[in-house]
Amino acid sequence: MEDRNYLLKKIRPEVKNAKVKESTLSEERFQNECLRPIAKFQNDLLLHMFRVYINYRKNVFFQLNLEKRLTYIEESIKKDSKIRRQLQGVFIGHFTMEEYVTYSTNYKAYNKRINNLCIERIKSQMQFFETAVIE
């Protein structure tokens, strides 16, 4: 178990602007120490998962203007439980046992943070969807 925990933490990239201070609230601390590094590490997978989701939804996304695409991303992740759970699973699978215990004590709040991280990460990389093609 210790090897797994060590290896999971070792592969996570550093997020330079994810500062944690003594006064940082526990939920924000968890986000900055755990969720944000996982989001950065899993970035490519998150983008590809959302691209598959777009494809599954008959590529309606590509018929929308930029503003509506941004709304589509947000609404999809907030309202479609299938994609939301898949994205959350990407994070949960990278938790150490200690992190999972922390997550399970307030999973609703942490899931909301995971969803928001995914929304912002996908929105900030819209150019990916212009070039990515899945058959």
N, C-alpha and C. Protein backbone atom coordinates (compact mmCIF):
# COMPACT_ATOMS: atom_id res chain seq x y z
N MET A 1 0.83 -1.20 0.00
CA MET A 1 0.00 0.00 0.00
C MET A 1 0.87 1.26 0.00
N GLU A 2 1.93 1.22 0.79
CA GLU A 2 2.80 2.39 0.85
C GLU A 2 3.44 2.68 -0.50
N ASP A 3 3.79 1.62 -1.23
CA ASP A 3 4.37 1.83 -2.56
C ASP A 3 3.40 2.55 -3.47
N ARG A 4 2.14 2.14 -3.43
CA ARG A 4 1.13 2.77 -4.27
C ARG A 4 0.99 4.25 -3.92
N ASN A 5 0.87 4.55 -2.64
CA ASN A 5 0.72 5.94 -2.21
C ASN A 5 1.92 6.77 -2.64
N TYR A 6 3.11 6.22 -2.44
CA TYR A 6 4.33 6.92 -2.82
C TYR A 6 4.38 7.18 -4.32
N LEU A 7 4.09 6.15 -5.10
CA LEU A 7 4.15 6.27 -6.55
C LEU A 7 3.10 7.25 -7.08
N LEU A 8 1.89 7.22 -6.52
CA LEU A 8 0.85 8.15 -6.96
C LEU A 8 1.29 9.59 -6.74
N LYS A 9 1.84 9.86 -5.59
CA LYS A 9 2.28 11.23 -5.29
C LYS A 9 3.50 11.62 -6.12
N LYS A 10 4.35 10.66 -6.40
CA LYS A 10 5.57 10.93 -7.16
C LYS A 10 5.28 11.35 -8.60
N ILE A 11 4.25 10.77 -9.21
CA ILE A 11 3.98 11.08 -10.63
C ILE A 11 3.21 12.38 -10.83
N ARG A 12 2.67 12.93 -9.77
CA ARG A 12 1.89 14.17 -9.90
C ARG A 12 2.79 15.36 -10.17
N PRO A 13 2.41 16.16 -11.14
CA PRO A 13 3.20 17.37 -11.40
C PRO A 13 2.96 18.43 -10.33
N GLU A 14 3.89 19.32 -10.21
CA GLU A 14 3.74 20.44 -9.29
C GLU A 14 2.86 21.50 -9.96
N VAL A 15 1.97 22.07 -9.19
CA VAL A 15 1.14 23.18 -9.67
C VAL A 15 1.63 24.41 -8.92
N LYS A 16 2.42 25.21 -9.61
CA LYS A 16 3.12 26.33 -8.97
C LYS A 16 2.20 27.35 -8.29
N ASN A 17 1.06 27.63 -8.89
CA ASN A 17 0.18 28.65 -8.31
C ASN A 17 -0.86 28.06 -7.36
N ALA A 18 -0.68 26.82 -6.95
CA ALA A 18 -1.58 26.18 -5.98
C ALA A 18 -0.94 26.27 -4.60
N LYS A 19 -0.94 27.45 -4.05
CA LYS A 19 -0.29 27.69 -2.77
C LYS A 19 -1.18 27.23 -1.62
N VAL A 20 -0.54 26.65 -0.63
CA VAL A 20 -1.24 26.23 0.58
C VAL A 20 -0.54 26.87 1.76
N LYS A 21 -1.32 27.59 2.56
CA LYS A 21 -0.78 28.28 3.74
C LYS A 21 -1.41 27.68 4.98
N GLU A 22 -0.93 28.10 6.11
CA GLU A 22 -1.51 27.64 7.39
C GLU A 22 -3.00 27.96 7.47
N SER A 23 -3.39 29.10 6.94
CA SER A 23 -4.77 29.56 7.06
C SER A 23 -5.70 28.98 5.99
N THR A 24 -5.17 28.19 5.07
CA THR A 24 -5.97 27.61 3.99
C THR A 24 -6.99 26.63 4.55
N LEU A 25 -8.23 26.79 4.14
CA LEU A 25 -9.30 25.89 4.59
C LEU A 25 -9.06 24.48 4.08
N SER A 26 -9.58 23.48 4.80
CA SER A 26 -9.28 22.08 4.47
C SER A 26 -9.73 21.70 3.06
N GLU A 27 -10.90 22.17 2.61
CA GLU A 27 -11.36 21.83 1.26
C GLU A 27 -10.46 22.44 0.20
N GLU A 28 -10.05 23.67 0.41
CA GLU A 28 -9.16 24.32 -0.55
C GLU A 28 -7.78 23.67 -0.51
N ARG A 29 -7.34 23.28 0.67
CA ARG A 29 -6.05 22.59 0.80
C ARG A 29 -6.08 21.28 0.00
N PHE A 30 -7.16 20.51 0.15
CA PHE A 30 -7.30 19.25 -0.58
C PHE A 30 -7.30 19.51 -2.08
N GLN A 31 -8.00 20.55 -2.49
CA GLN A 31 -8.04 20.89 -3.91
C GLN A 31 -6.65 21.21 -4.43
N ASN A 32 -5.91 22.03 -3.70
CA ASN A 32 -4.61 22.49 -4.18
C ASN A 32 -3.52 21.43 -4.06
N GLU A 33 -3.59 20.59 -3.04
CA GLU A 33 -2.56 19.58 -2.85
C GLU A 33 -2.84 18.29 -3.61
N CYS A 34 -4.11 18.01 -3.87
CA CYS A 34 -4.47 16.72 -4.46
C CYS A 34 -5.17 16.88 -5.82
N LEU A 35 -6.30 17.57 -5.84
CA LEU A 35 -7.12 17.62 -7.05
C LEU A 35 -6.44 18.34 -8.21
N ARG A 36 -5.85 19.49 -7.96
CA ARG A 36 -5.23 20.23 -9.05
C ARG A 36 -4.04 19.50 -9.68
N PRO A 37 -3.16 18.89 -8.87
CA PRO A 37 -2.09 18.10 -9.50
C PRO A 37 -2.62 16.91 -10.31
N ILE A 38 -3.67 16.27 -9.82
CA ILE A 38 -4.26 15.17 -10.59
C ILE A 38 -4.85 15.70 -11.89
N ALA A 39 -5.54 16.83 -11.83
CA ALA A 39 -6.12 17.42 -13.04
C ALA A 39 -5.03 17.73 -14.06
N LYS A 40 -3.92 18.26 -13.59
CA LYS A 40 -2.81 18.58 -14.51
C LYS A 40 -2.22 17.30 -15.10
N PHE A 41 -2.03 16.29 -14.27
CA PHE A 41 -1.47 15.02 -14.72
C PHE A 41 -2.40 14.33 -15.72
N GLN A 42 -3.69 14.40 -15.49
CA GLN A 42 -4.68 13.70 -16.31
C GLN A 42 -5.27 14.58 -17.42
N ASN A 43 -4.68 15.71 -17.66
CA ASN A 43 -5.22 16.68 -18.62
C ASN A 43 -5.58 16.07 -19.97
N ASP A 44 -4.66 15.36 -20.57
CA ASP A 44 -4.92 14.80 -21.91
C ASP A 44 -6.09 13.82 -21.88
N LEU A 45 -6.15 13.00 -20.85
CA LEU A 45 -7.25 12.05 -20.73
C LEU A 45 -8.59 12.78 -20.57
N LEU A 46 -8.62 13.83 -19.76
CA LEU A 46 -9.85 14.60 -19.57
C LEU A 46 -10.34 15.18 -20.89
N LEU A 47 -9.42 15.73 -21.67
CA LEU A 47 -9.78 16.31 -22.97
C LEU A 47 -10.30 15.24 -23.92
N HIS A 48 -9.63 14.11 -23.98
CA HIS A 48 -10.07 13.03 -24.88
C HIS A 48 -11.41 12.46 -24.44
N MET A 49 -11.61 12.36 -23.15
CA MET A 49 -12.90 11.86 -22.66
C MET A 49 -14.03 12.79 -23.09
N PHE A 50 -13.79 14.09 -22.99
CA PHE A 50 -14.84 15.03 -23.38
C PHE A 50 -15.03 15.01 -24.90
N ARG A 51 -13.97 14.77 -25.65
CA ARG A 51 -14.09 14.67 -27.11
C ARG A 51 -14.94 13.45 -27.50
N VAL A 52 -14.74 12.35 -26.81
CA VAL A 52 -15.56 11.16 -27.04
C VAL A 52 -17.02 11.46 -26.69
N TYR A 53 -17.21 12.20 -25.61
CA TYR A 53 -18.57 12.60 -25.20
C TYR A 53 -19.23 13.44 -26.31
N ILE A 54 -18.50 14.39 -26.87
CA ILE A 54 -19.01 15.22 -27.96
C ILE A 54 -19.41 14.34 -29.15
N ASN A 55 -18.54 13.42 -29.49
CA ASN A 55 -18.79 12.50 -30.60
C ASN A 55 -20.04 11.66 -30.33
N TYR A 56 -20.15 11.16 -29.12
CA TYR A 56 -21.30 10.35 -28.72
C TYR A 56 -22.60 11.15 -28.83
N ARG A 57 -22.51 12.44 -28.60
CA ARG A 57 -23.68 13.33 -28.68
C ARG A 57 -23.87 13.88 -30.09
N LYS A 58 -23.40 13.17 -31.07
CA LYS A 58 -23.60 13.48 -32.50
C LYS A 58 -22.95 14.80 -32.93
N ASN A 59 -21.88 15.21 -32.25
CA ASN A 59 -21.10 16.38 -32.64
C ASN A 59 -21.89 17.68 -32.70
N VAL A 60 -22.95 17.78 -31.95
CA VAL A 60 -23.74 19.02 -31.88
C VAL A 60 -22.85 20.19 -31.46
N PHE A 61 -21.89 19.91 -30.64
CA PHE A 61 -20.94 20.90 -30.13
C PHE A 61 -20.36 21.76 -31.25
N PHE A 62 -20.03 21.14 -32.38
CA PHE A 62 -19.35 21.85 -33.46
C PHE A 62 -20.27 22.76 -34.26
N GLN A 63 -21.55 22.66 -34.04
CA GLN A 63 -22.50 23.54 -34.71
C GLN A 63 -22.78 24.80 -33.90
N LEU A 64 -22.18 24.89 -32.72
CA LEU A 64 -22.42 26.02 -31.82
C LEU A 64 -21.36 27.09 -31.96
N ASN A 65 -21.73 28.33 -31.62
CA ASN A 65 -20.74 29.40 -31.58
C ASN A 65 -19.93 29.28 -30.28
N LEU A 66 -18.90 30.08 -30.13
CA LEU A 66 -17.99 29.96 -29.00
C LEU A 66 -18.71 30.07 -27.66
N GLU A 67 -19.56 31.05 -27.52
CA GLU A 67 -20.27 31.26 -26.25
C GLU A 67 -21.13 30.05 -25.90
N LYS A 68 -21.81 29.50 -26.90
CA LYS A 68 -22.66 28.34 -26.65
C LYS A 68 -21.84 27.08 -26.40
N ARG A 69 -20.65 27.01 -26.98
CA ARG A 69 -19.77 25.87 -26.70
C ARG A 69 -19.33 25.88 -25.24
N LEU A 70 -19.00 27.06 -24.75
CA LEU A 70 -18.61 27.17 -23.35
C LEU A 70 -19.75 26.76 -22.42
N THR A 71 -20.95 27.17 -22.76
CA THR A 71 -22.13 26.78 -21.99
C THR A 71 -22.36 25.28 -22.10
N TYR A 72 -22.17 24.73 -23.28
CA TYR A 72 -22.33 23.29 -23.52
C TYR A 72 -21.40 22.48 -22.61
N ILE A 73 -20.17 22.91 -22.51
CA ILE A 73 -19.20 22.22 -21.65
C ILE A 73 -19.69 22.23 -20.21
N GLU A 74 -20.04 23.39 -19.75
CA GLU A 74 -20.48 23.53 -18.35
C GLU A 74 -21.75 22.73 -18.07
N GLU A 75 -22.73 22.87 -18.93
CA GLU A 75 -23.99 22.17 -18.73
C GLU A 75 -23.83 20.65 -18.83
N SER A 76 -22.99 20.20 -19.74
CA SER A 76 -22.77 18.77 -19.90
C SER A 76 -22.21 18.16 -18.62
N ILE A 77 -21.20 18.80 -18.08
CA ILE A 77 -20.55 18.25 -16.89
C ILE A 77 -21.45 18.39 -15.66
N LYS A 78 -22.19 19.45 -15.58
CA LYS A 78 -23.07 19.64 -14.42
C LYS A 78 -24.33 18.78 -14.47
N LYS A 79 -24.85 18.51 -15.67
CA LYS A 79 -26.16 17.87 -15.76
C LYS A 79 -26.14 16.42 -16.24
N ASP A 80 -25.10 16.00 -16.94
CA ASP A 80 -25.06 14.64 -17.45
C ASP A 80 -24.27 13.76 -16.48
N SER A 81 -24.98 12.93 -15.75
CA SER A 81 -24.34 12.15 -14.69
C SER A 81 -23.31 11.16 -15.23
N LYS A 82 -23.48 10.68 -16.45
CA LYS A 82 -22.53 9.71 -16.99
C LYS A 82 -21.15 10.32 -17.19
N ILE A 83 -21.07 11.45 -17.86
CA ILE A 83 -19.76 12.08 -18.09
C ILE A 83 -19.20 12.60 -16.77
N ARG A 84 -20.06 13.13 -15.94
CA ARG A 84 -19.63 13.66 -14.65
C ARG A 84 -18.98 12.55 -13.80
N ARG A 85 -19.61 11.41 -13.73
CA ARG A 85 -19.05 10.30 -12.94
C ARG A 85 -17.76 9.76 -13.55
N GLN A 86 -17.69 9.73 -14.87
CA GLN A 86 -16.45 9.27 -15.51
C GLN A 86 -15.30 10.21 -15.16
N LEU A 87 -15.55 11.50 -15.25
CA LEU A 87 -14.51 12.47 -14.95
C LEU A 87 -14.10 12.39 -13.48
N GLN A 88 -15.07 12.24 -12.60
CA GLN A 88 -14.77 12.10 -11.18
C GLN A 88 -13.94 10.85 -10.93
N GLY A 89 -14.23 9.78 -11.64
CA GLY A 89 -13.49 8.54 -11.49
C GLY A 89 -12.02 8.67 -11.86
N VAL A 90 -11.73 9.53 -12.83
CA VAL A 90 -10.35 9.79 -13.22
C VAL A 90 -9.56 10.33 -12.02
N PHE A 91 -10.20 11.14 -11.22
CA PHE A 91 -9.56 11.71 -10.03
C PHE A 91 -9.49 10.68 -8.91
N ILE A 92 -10.61 10.05 -8.62
CA ILE A 92 -10.69 9.11 -7.50
C ILE A 92 -9.68 7.98 -7.65
N GLY A 93 -9.49 7.51 -8.86
CA GLY A 93 -8.54 6.44 -9.11
C GLY A 93 -7.09 6.82 -8.82
N HIS A 94 -6.83 8.11 -8.68
CA HIS A 94 -5.48 8.58 -8.40
C HIS A 94 -5.30 9.04 -6.96
N PHE A 95 -6.29 8.78 -6.13
CA PHE A 95 -6.18 9.14 -4.71
C PHE A 95 -5.34 8.10 -3.97
N THR A 96 -4.57 8.58 -3.01
CA THR A 96 -3.96 7.66 -2.05
C THR A 96 -5.08 7.23 -1.11
N MET A 97 -4.83 6.25 -0.27
CA MET A 97 -5.85 5.81 0.68
C MET A 97 -6.23 6.94 1.63
N GLU A 98 -5.25 7.68 2.08
CA GLU A 98 -5.51 8.81 2.97
C GLU A 98 -6.37 9.87 2.28
N GLU A 99 -6.07 10.15 1.03
CA GLU A 99 -6.85 11.14 0.28
C GLU A 99 -8.27 10.63 0.06
N TYR A 100 -8.42 9.33 -0.18
CA TYR A 100 -9.76 8.79 -0.36
C TYR A 100 -10.58 8.91 0.92
N VAL A 101 -9.96 8.70 2.05
CA VAL A 101 -10.66 8.86 3.33
C VAL A 101 -11.10 10.32 3.48
N THR A 102 -10.22 11.25 3.16
CA THR A 102 -10.58 12.68 3.22
C THR A 102 -11.73 12.97 2.26
N TYR A 103 -11.61 12.49 1.04
CA TYR A 103 -12.65 12.69 0.03
C TYR A 103 -14.00 12.14 0.50
N SER A 104 -13.99 10.96 1.08
CA SER A 104 -15.25 10.31 1.46
C SER A 104 -15.96 11.01 2.61
N THR A 105 -15.25 11.83 3.37
CA THR A 105 -15.89 12.55 4.47
C THR A 105 -16.75 13.71 3.98
N ASN A 106 -16.48 14.19 2.77
CA ASN A 106 -17.24 15.33 2.24
C ASN A 106 -17.27 15.24 0.71
N TYR A 107 -17.65 14.07 0.21
CA TYR A 107 -17.54 13.81 -1.23
C TYR A 107 -18.38 14.75 -2.08
N LYS A 108 -19.50 15.23 -1.58
CA LYS A 108 -20.33 16.13 -2.39
C LYS A 108 -19.59 17.43 -2.69
N ALA A 109 -18.95 17.99 -1.70
CA ALA A 109 -18.20 19.24 -1.89
C ALA A 109 -16.99 19.00 -2.79
N TYR A 110 -16.31 17.86 -2.60
CA TYR A 110 -15.14 17.58 -3.42
C TYR A 110 -15.52 17.26 -4.87
N ASN A 111 -16.64 16.58 -5.06
CA ASN A 111 -17.11 16.33 -6.42
C ASN A 111 -17.41 17.64 -7.14
N LYS A 112 -17.97 18.59 -6.42
CA LYS A 112 -18.25 19.89 -7.02
C LYS A 112 -16.93 20.56 -7.45
N ARG A 113 -15.94 20.44 -6.63
CA ARG A 113 -14.62 21.01 -6.97
C ARG A 113 -14.02 20.29 -8.18
N ILE A 114 -14.15 18.97 -8.21
CA ILE A 114 -13.66 18.20 -9.36
C ILE A 114 -14.38 18.65 -10.63
N ASN A 115 -15.70 18.78 -10.57
CA ASN A 115 -16.48 19.21 -11.73
C ASN A 115 -16.01 20.58 -12.20
N ASN A 116 -15.82 21.51 -11.28
CA ASN A 116 -15.39 22.86 -11.65
C ASN A 116 -13.98 22.85 -12.24
N LEU A 117 -13.10 22.03 -11.70
CA LEU A 117 -11.75 21.92 -12.28
C LEU A 117 -11.83 21.41 -13.72
N CYS A 118 -12.66 20.41 -13.94
CA CYS A 118 -12.82 19.85 -15.30
C CYS A 118 -13.40 20.89 -16.25
N ILE A 119 -14.42 21.58 -15.81
CA ILE A 119 -15.06 22.61 -16.65
C ILE A 119 -14.03 23.66 -17.05
N GLU A 120 -13.31 24.20 -16.09
CA GLU A 120 -12.34 25.26 -16.39
C GLU A 120 -11.19 24.75 -17.26
N ARG A 121 -10.73 23.55 -16.99
CA ARG A 121 -9.62 22.97 -17.77
C ARG A 121 -10.05 22.75 -19.22
N ILE A 122 -11.23 22.22 -19.44
CA ILE A 122 -11.72 21.96 -20.79
C ILE A 122 -12.01 23.27 -21.52
N LYS A 123 -12.64 24.21 -20.83
CA LYS A 123 -12.92 25.51 -21.45
C LYS A 123 -11.64 26.22 -21.88
N SER A 124 -10.61 26.10 -21.08
CA SER A 124 -9.37 26.83 -21.37
C SER A 124 -8.57 26.21 -22.51
N GLN A 125 -9.01 25.05 -22.99
CA GLN A 125 -8.28 24.37 -24.06
C GLN A 125 -9.19 24.04 -25.24
N MET A 126 -10.05 24.95 -25.56
CA MET A 126 -11.03 24.76 -26.64
C MET A 126 -10.37 24.41 -27.97
N GLN A 127 -9.15 24.89 -28.19
CA GLN A 127 -8.48 24.62 -29.46
C GLN A 127 -8.26 23.13 -29.68
N PHE A 128 -8.19 22.35 -28.62
CA PHE A 128 -8.03 20.89 -28.73
C PHE A 128 -9.16 20.29 -29.55
N PHE A 129 -10.36 20.78 -29.37
CA PHE A 129 -11.52 20.20 -30.03
C PHE A 129 -11.61 20.57 -31.50
N GLU A 130 -10.86 21.55 -31.91
CA GLU A 130 -10.84 21.92 -33.32
C GLU A 130 -9.95 20.99 -34.12
N THR A 131 -8.97 20.36 -33.46
CA THR A 131 -8.03 19.52 -34.18
C THR A 131 -8.21 18.04 -33.89
N ALA A 132 -8.82 17.71 -32.77
CA ALA A 132 -8.97 16.30 -32.39
C ALA A 132 -10.09 15.65 -33.18
N VAL A 133 -9.78 14.54 -33.78
CA VAL A 133 -10.79 13.80 -34.54
C VAL A 133 -10.80 12.36 -34.05
N ILE A 134 -11.98 11.87 -33.74
CA ILE A 134 -12.13 10.48 -33.31
C ILE A 134 -13.07 9.80 -34.27
N GLU A 135 -12.63 8.72 -34.80
CA GLU A 135 -13.45 7.97 -35.78
C GLU A 135 -14.45 7.10 -35.08
